[in-house]
Structure formats: C-alpha cells, structure tokens
Amino acid sequence: MIDTKVISDSTFYICFLDDISYPEGLKKIICSGKFKFVIGPIVMSEIEKSPNYHFIKPDLSKVQENPLPFNYGEIVRPFLGIEEIKKGEHEVIGIAIVYYLMGREFILILDEDGPREIIEKKLSGLKSKMTGTIGFIKLCYYPYAIYTREEAISILEKIRKSKFRVTSNIIDNALKEIRGVTYDNCS
C-alpha cells in the first residue's frame, strides 16, 4: 500500500516534461509504486498545458489522488492577496495544510522562493515536509531507490543545463550528497 503522498506545484512536473525533456524520468517516479500524487485543479491545468503531458497522463491518472473539492487557496489567503491565491503554488500550500492537519504522510515539493518563504516563516510545521525538485530527485535515489546513482546524476546535470531556475550551488551540493551515498553504507 502506498502511504506517502506527493503534493507538488507544477514546476516539478514541467521540469521533467519540458525543461529537460525527460518525461521518462518522471514516468519512472510515477510508476514506482511508492507515491500517490495529490494534484489540485489549478496545478493540473498548468501541467496539462505541457505538450509532453500525454507521455505521463495514463500513468499519472492511476496514482493521482484528487483532494477534496475545495478552494485551497482560500486557506492561505490571510498570508497573501486575493490574486495570489489563484496560483498553483498556493493551492499546493493549502492542500499541504489540510493533509498536515489530517495527520497524513506527505512530501511537499516547492521550488519558488515566495511560497517556500511562507512555509518557513508562517507555517513552520510544514517545513520538515518540504523539499524542492532537486531534493526530491535525491530522495528518488536514496532512500526510495527509484533512480540509480548514475540516473540521478544525469538528471541533475540535465537540469543544470536547462532553463529550470536553480542555483549551481544547490545542484553541486545534491551531486556531492548523491556521490557520497551508497546503499551498502546507509542504514
């Protein structure tokens, strides 16, 4: 049984689908059997705009969990303005708050600085659940064993060369961690 949910903004999906043109890498995560993907309507509409969405659509639909029909942006409205709550990142934060309060196990993937700041400053209970796309790729190597070391390194190098906005320092640190971890010496 899949216990861990992934709540992510569209940036994570678009990174694989368009930025690095590697939908197979995303499909490997989706088909791993390790996660359910919680996707609200705003984020889904952003993902569906990708010309490569069709590569993952059938598999994603099998492991997708639709959150309760609710305007999740309203949950974070006190922290933001009315226009801000229409963005996918804020829908994701609202869903994460509800899942957190329900005691569900999840990984929150956020890459944008503004939404990450909201978590860090105003919703610190979610901070331990949060990672970015780069951090999630590390998790897909270890502990989830979805990617081999070589695959994880290759994906990170593709991201470095893409239009995905991340500092080289973050990628360098992730590569250093991945190269230093082997399954034999980890407990």
C-alpha atoms as a PDB file:
ATOM      1  CA  MET A   1       0.000   0.000   0.000  1.00  0.00           C
ATOM      2  CA  ILE A   2       1.221   3.485  -0.866  1.00  0.00           C
ATOM      3  CA  ASP A   3       1.450   5.629   2.247  1.00  0.00           C
ATOM      4  CA  THR A   4       3.347   8.669   1.058  1.00  0.00           C
ATOM      5  CA  LYS A   5       1.614  11.382  -0.894  1.00  0.00           C
ATOM      6  CA  VAL A   6       3.462  13.865  -3.089  1.00  0.00           C
ATOM      7  CA  ILE A   7       1.998  17.346  -3.116  1.00  0.00           C
ATOM      8  CA  SER A   8       3.811  19.422  -5.696  1.00  0.00           C
ATOM      9  CA  ASP A   9       3.442  22.560  -7.704  1.00  0.00           C
ATOM     10  CA  SER A  10       3.550  22.282 -11.475  1.00  0.00           C
ATOM     11  CA  THR A  11       7.224  23.324 -11.598  1.00  0.00           C
ATOM     12  CA  PHE A  12       8.288  19.797 -10.619  1.00  0.00           C
ATOM     13  CA  TYR A  13       6.296  18.170 -13.432  1.00  0.00           C
ATOM     14  CA  ILE A  14       7.229  20.822 -16.021  1.00  0.00           C
ATOM     15  CA  CYS A  15      10.917  20.384 -15.163  1.00  0.00           C
ATOM     16  CA  PHE A  16      10.789  16.818 -16.473  1.00  0.00           C
ATOM     17  CA  LEU A  17       8.217  17.319 -19.211  1.00  0.00           C
ATOM     18  CA  ASP A  18       9.573  20.485 -20.816  1.00  0.00           C
ATOM     19  CA  ASP A  19      12.675  21.948 -19.170  1.00  0.00           C
ATOM     20  CA  ILE A  20      14.828  18.833 -19.539  1.00  0.00           C
ATOM     21  CA  SER A  21      12.560  16.965 -21.998  1.00  0.00           C
ATOM     22  CA  TYR A  22      12.802  13.762 -19.998  1.00  0.00           C
ATOM     23  CA  PRO A  23       9.240  12.567 -19.364  1.00  0.00           C
ATOM     24  CA  GLU A  24      10.624   9.034 -18.965  1.00  0.00           C
ATOM     25  CA  GLY A  25      12.352  10.152 -15.764  1.00  0.00           C
ATOM     26  CA  LEU A  26       9.090  11.477 -14.363  1.00  0.00           C
ATOM     27  CA  LYS A  27       7.240   8.386 -15.522  1.00  0.00           C
ATOM     28  CA  LYS A  28       9.729   6.244 -13.597  1.00  0.00           C
ATOM     29  CA  ILE A  29       8.815   8.098 -10.387  1.00  0.00           C
ATOM     30  CA  ILE A  30       5.096   7.907 -11.131  1.00  0.00           C
ATOM     31  CA  CYS A  31       5.230   4.171 -11.916  1.00  0.00           C
ATOM     32  CA  SER A  32       7.493   3.287  -8.974  1.00  0.00           C
ATOM     33  CA  GLY A  33       4.551   2.339  -6.762  1.00  0.00           C
ATOM     34  CA  LYS A  34       5.990   4.412  -3.933  1.00  0.00           C
ATOM     35  CA  PHE A  35       3.781   7.509  -4.105  1.00  0.00           C
ATOM     36  CA  LYS A  36       0.314   8.877  -4.708  1.00  0.00           C
ATOM     37  CA  PHE A  37       0.302  12.307  -6.353  1.00  0.00           C
ATOM     38  CA  VAL A  38      -2.131  14.824  -4.906  1.00  0.00           C
ATOM     39  CA  ILE A  39      -2.964  17.332  -7.617  1.00  0.00           C
ATOM     40  CA  GLY A  40      -5.431  20.180  -7.302  1.00  0.00           C
ATOM     41  CA  PRO A  41      -7.278  21.660 -10.286  1.00  0.00           C
ATOM     42  CA  ILE A  42      -5.024  24.722 -10.703  1.00  0.00           C
ATOM     43  CA  VAL A  43      -1.827  22.660 -10.767  1.00  0.00           C
ATOM     44  CA  MET A  44      -3.441  20.082 -13.059  1.00  0.00           C
ATOM     45  CA  SER A  45      -4.451  22.777 -15.530  1.00  0.00           C
ATOM     46  CA  GLU A  46      -0.836  24.017 -15.555  1.00  0.00           C
ATOM     47  CA  ILE A  47       0.578  20.501 -16.134  1.00  0.00           C
ATOM     48  CA  GLU A  48      -1.943  19.745 -18.890  1.00  0.00           C
ATOM     49  CA  LYS A  49      -0.610  22.718 -20.894  1.00  0.00           C
ATOM     50  CA  SER A  50       2.664  20.883 -21.465  1.00  0.00           C
ATOM     51  CA  PRO A  51       2.947  19.482 -24.988  1.00  0.00           C
ATOM     52  CA  ASN A  52       4.504  16.378 -23.383  1.00  0.00           C
ATOM     53  CA  TYR A  53       1.743  15.758 -20.844  1.00  0.00           C
ATOM     54  CA  HIS A  54       0.410  12.864 -22.926  1.00  0.00           C
ATOM     55  CA  PHE A  55       3.555  10.856 -22.031  1.00  0.00           C
ATOM     56  CA  ILE A  56       2.559  10.660 -18.358  1.00  0.00           C
ATOM     57  CA  LYS A  57      -1.219  11.137 -18.434  1.00  0.00           C
ATOM     58  CA  PRO A  58      -2.299   7.456 -18.372  1.00  0.00           C
ATOM     59  CA  ASP A  59       0.165   6.501 -15.636  1.00  0.00           C
ATOM     60  CA  LEU A  60      -0.391   9.610 -13.542  1.00  0.00           C
ATOM     61  CA  SER A  61      -4.145   9.082 -13.553  1.00  0.00           C
ATOM     62  CA  LYS A  62      -3.603   5.666 -11.912  1.00  0.00           C
ATOM     63  CA  VAL A  63      -1.693   7.119  -8.945  1.00  0.00           C
ATOM     64  CA  GLN A  64      -3.364  10.508  -8.696  1.00  0.00           C
ATOM     65  CA  GLU A  65      -5.350  11.473  -5.647  1.00  0.00           C
ATOM     66  CA  ASN A  66      -7.736  14.340  -6.108  1.00  0.00           C
ATOM     67  CA  PRO A  67      -8.046  16.451  -2.992  1.00  0.00           C
ATOM     68  CA  LEU A  68     -11.482  17.262  -1.653  1.00  0.00           C
ATOM     69  CA  PRO A  69     -13.250  19.774  -3.891  1.00  0.00           C
ATOM     70  CA  PHE A  70     -12.418  22.973  -2.083  1.00  0.00           C
ATOM     71  CA  ASN A  71     -10.724  26.267  -2.891  1.00  0.00           C
ATOM     72  CA  TYR A  72      -7.442  25.544  -1.120  1.00  0.00           C
ATOM     73  CA  GLY A  73      -6.073  28.959  -1.996  1.00  0.00           C
ATOM     74  CA  GLU A  74      -8.552  30.432   0.490  1.00  0.00           C
ATOM     75  CA  ILE A  75      -6.688  28.695   3.317  1.00  0.00           C
ATOM     76  CA  VAL A  76      -3.566  30.745   2.602  1.00  0.00           C
ATOM     77  CA  ARG A  77      -5.455  33.927   1.757  1.00  0.00           C
ATOM     78  CA  PRO A  78      -4.672  35.534   5.149  1.00  0.00           C
ATOM     79  CA  PHE A  79      -0.983  35.349   4.204  1.00  0.00           C
ATOM     80  CA  LEU A  80      -1.442  36.616   0.636  1.00  0.00           C
ATOM     81  CA  GLY A  81      -3.564  38.839  -1.546  1.00  0.00           C
ATOM     82  CA  ILE A  82      -6.650  37.798  -3.474  1.00  0.00           C
ATOM     83  CA  GLU A  83      -4.774  37.500  -6.799  1.00  0.00           C
ATOM     84  CA  GLU A  84      -2.016  35.421  -5.246  1.00  0.00           C
ATOM     85  CA  ILE A  85      -4.356  32.617  -4.183  1.00  0.00           C
ATOM     86  CA  LYS A  86      -5.099  31.809  -7.812  1.00  0.00           C
ATOM     87  CA  LYS A  87      -1.582  30.419  -8.315  1.00  0.00           C
ATOM     88  CA  GLY A  88      -0.780  26.718  -8.198  1.00  0.00           C
ATOM     89  CA  GLU A  89       1.889  27.106  -5.512  1.00  0.00           C
ATOM     90  CA  HIS A  90      -0.679  28.484  -3.110  1.00  0.00           C
ATOM     91  CA  GLU A  91      -3.162  25.748  -3.917  1.00  0.00           C
ATOM     92  CA  VAL A  92      -0.383  23.309  -3.027  1.00  0.00           C
ATOM     93  CA  ILE A  93       0.272  25.033   0.311  1.00  0.00           C
ATOM     94  CA  GLY A  94      -3.454  24.901   1.132  1.00  0.00           C
ATOM     95  CA  ILE A  95      -3.617  21.182   0.327  1.00  0.00           C
ATOM     96  CA  ALA A  96      -0.483  20.571   2.422  1.00  0.00           C
ATOM     97  CA  ILE A  97      -2.049  22.363   5.398  1.00  0.00           C
ATOM     98  CA  VAL A  98      -5.159  20.156   5.199  1.00  0.00           C
ATOM     99  CA  TYR A  99      -3.111  16.955   4.855  1.00  0.00           C
ATOM    100  CA  TYR A 100      -0.879  18.022   7.743  1.00  0.00           C
ATOM    101  CA  LEU A 101      -3.898  18.644   9.975  1.00  0.00           C
ATOM    102  CA  MET A 102      -5.307  15.250   8.959  1.00  0.00           C
ATOM    103  CA  GLY A 103      -2.042  13.581  10.010  1.00  0.00           C
ATOM    104  CA  ARG A 104      -1.255  12.241   6.551  1.00  0.00           C
ATOM    105  CA  GLU A 105       2.275  11.434   5.460  1.00  0.00           C
ATOM    106  CA  PHE A 106       3.394  13.550   2.506  1.00  0.00           C
ATOM    107  CA  ILE A 107       6.274  15.219   0.728  1.00  0.00           C
ATOM    108  CA  LEU A 108       5.734  18.837  -0.292  1.00  0.00           C
ATOM    109  CA  ILE A 109       7.704  19.873  -3.386  1.00  0.00           C
ATOM    110  CA  LEU A 110       8.014  23.631  -3.820  1.00  0.00           C
ATOM    111  CA  ASP A 111      10.666  25.399  -5.875  1.00  0.00           C
ATOM    112  CA  GLU A 112       9.566  29.034  -5.887  1.00  0.00           C
ATOM    113  CA  ASP A 113      11.166  31.264  -3.257  1.00  0.00           C
ATOM    114  CA  GLY A 114       7.969  33.130  -2.278  1.00  0.00           C
ATOM    115  CA  PRO A 115       5.904  30.063  -1.348  1.00  0.00           C
ATOM    116  CA  ARG A 116       8.922  28.477   0.372  1.00  0.00           C
ATOM    117  CA  GLU A 117       9.279  31.641   2.468  1.00  0.00           C
ATOM    118  CA  ILE A 118       5.634  31.424   3.518  1.00  0.00           C
ATOM    119  CA  ILE A 119       6.266  27.898   4.790  1.00  0.00           C
ATOM    120  CA  GLU A 120       9.488  28.816   6.559  1.00  0.00           C
ATOM    121  CA  LYS A 121       8.179  31.987   8.223  1.00  0.00           C
ATOM    122  CA  LYS A 122       4.478  31.416   8.784  1.00  0.00           C
ATOM    123  CA  LEU A 123       3.774  27.691   8.513  1.00  0.00           C
ATOM    124  CA  SER A 124       6.833  26.147  10.101  1.00  0.00           C
ATOM    125  CA  GLY A 125       5.010  22.886  10.884  1.00  0.00           C
ATOM    126  CA  LEU A 126       5.196  22.085   7.167  1.00  0.00           C
ATOM    127  CA  LYS A 127       8.905  22.887   6.876  1.00  0.00           C
ATOM    128  CA  SER A 128      10.085  19.336   7.606  1.00  0.00           C
ATOM    129  CA  LYS A 129       7.807  18.039   4.824  1.00  0.00           C
ATOM    130  CA  MET A 130       9.147  20.476   2.216  1.00  0.00           C
ATOM    131  CA  THR A 131      11.799  19.901  -0.401  1.00  0.00           C
ATOM    132  CA  GLY A 132      12.429  21.163  -3.914  1.00  0.00           C
ATOM    133  CA  THR A 133      12.680  19.284  -7.190  1.00  0.00           C
ATOM    134  CA  ILE A 134      16.430  18.782  -6.674  1.00  0.00           C
ATOM    135  CA  GLY A 135      15.883  17.452  -3.158  1.00  0.00           C
ATOM    136  CA  PHE A 136      13.173  15.103  -4.384  1.00  0.00           C
ATOM    137  CA  ILE A 137      15.489  13.714  -7.047  1.00  0.00           C
ATOM    138  CA  LYS A 138      17.971  12.948  -4.252  1.00  0.00           C
ATOM    139  CA  LEU A 139      15.187  11.123  -2.389  1.00  0.00           C
ATOM    140  CA  CYS A 140      14.418   9.156  -5.546  1.00  0.00           C
ATOM    141  CA  TYR A 141      17.985   7.883  -5.414  1.00  0.00           C
ATOM    142  CA  TYR A 142      18.102   7.331  -1.667  1.00  0.00           C
ATOM    143  CA  PRO A 143      16.088   6.145   0.214  1.00  0.00           C
ATOM    144  CA  TYR A 144      13.453   5.300  -2.426  1.00  0.00           C
ATOM    145  CA  ALA A 145      15.825   3.562  -4.897  1.00  0.00           C
ATOM    146  CA  ILE A 146      13.831   4.704  -7.930  1.00  0.00           C
ATOM    147  CA  TYR A 147      16.921   6.014  -9.697  1.00  0.00           C
ATOM    148  CA  THR A 148      20.398   4.595  -9.786  1.00  0.00           C
ATOM    149  CA  ARG A 149      23.203   6.936  -8.798  1.00  0.00           C
ATOM    150  CA  GLU A 150      24.057   7.435 -12.471  1.00  0.00           C
ATOM    151  CA  GLU A 151      20.443   8.281 -13.366  1.00  0.00           C
ATOM    152  CA  ALA A 152      20.117  10.811 -10.545  1.00  0.00           C
ATOM    153  CA  ILE A 153      23.412  12.461 -11.524  1.00  0.00           C
ATOM    154  CA  SER A 154      22.389  12.558 -15.184  1.00  0.00           C
ATOM    155  CA  ILE A 155      19.043  14.191 -14.352  1.00  0.00           C
ATOM    156  CA  LEU A 156      20.710  16.815 -12.184  1.00  0.00           C
ATOM    157  CA  GLU A 157      23.200  17.619 -14.935  1.00  0.00           C
ATOM    158  CA  LYS A 158      20.328  17.958 -17.427  1.00  0.00           C
ATOM    159  CA  ILE A 159      18.623  20.361 -15.033  1.00  0.00           C
ATOM    160  CA  ARG A 160      21.826  22.381 -14.699  1.00  0.00           C
ATOM    161  CA  LYS A 161      21.866  22.901 -18.488  1.00  0.00           C
ATOM    162  CA  SER A 162      18.138  23.656 -18.737  1.00  0.00           C
ATOM    163  CA  LYS A 163      16.034  26.764 -18.165  1.00  0.00           C
ATOM    164  CA  PHE A 164      14.890  25.390 -14.786  1.00  0.00           C
ATOM    165  CA  ARG A 165      15.713  28.078 -12.243  1.00  0.00           C
ATOM    166  CA  VAL A 166      18.044  26.710  -9.598  1.00  0.00           C
ATOM    167  CA  THR A 167      21.467  27.801  -8.453  1.00  0.00           C
ATOM    168  CA  SER A 168      24.523  25.776  -9.372  1.00  0.00           C
ATOM    169  CA  ASN A 169      25.322  25.592  -5.669  1.00  0.00           C
ATOM    170  CA  ILE A 170      22.127  23.626  -4.958  1.00  0.00           C
ATOM    171  CA  ILE A 171      22.887  21.194  -7.778  1.00  0.00           C
ATOM    172  CA  ASP A 172      26.546  20.881  -6.687  1.00  0.00           C
ATOM    173  CA  ASN A 173      25.506  20.069  -3.111  1.00  0.00           C
ATOM    174  CA  ALA A 174      22.991  17.487  -4.304  1.00  0.00           C
ATOM    175  CA  LEU A 175      25.593  15.853  -6.553  1.00  0.00           C
ATOM    176  CA  LYS A 176      28.060  15.740  -3.686  1.00  0.00           C
ATOM    177  CA  GLU A 177      25.483  14.038  -1.453  1.00  0.00           C
ATOM    178  CA  ILE A 178      24.468  11.532  -4.134  1.00  0.00           C
ATOM    179  CA  ARG A 179      28.064  10.638  -4.912  1.00  0.00           C
ATOM    180  CA  GLY A 180      28.750  10.141  -1.196  1.00  0.00           C
ATOM    181  CA  VAL A 181      25.818   7.823  -0.513  1.00  0.00           C
ATOM    182  CA  THR A 182      25.810   4.150  -1.292  1.00  0.00           C
ATOM    183  CA  TYR A 183      23.160   1.675  -0.308  1.00  0.00           C
ATOM    184  CA  ASP A 184      25.737  -0.549   1.363  1.00  0.00           C
ATOM    185  CA  ASN A 185      26.821   2.001   3.987  1.00  0.00           C
ATOM    186  CA  CYS A 186      23.461   3.596   4.696  1.00  0.00           C
ATOM    187  CA  SER A 187      21.161   2.359   7.380  1.00  0.00           C
END
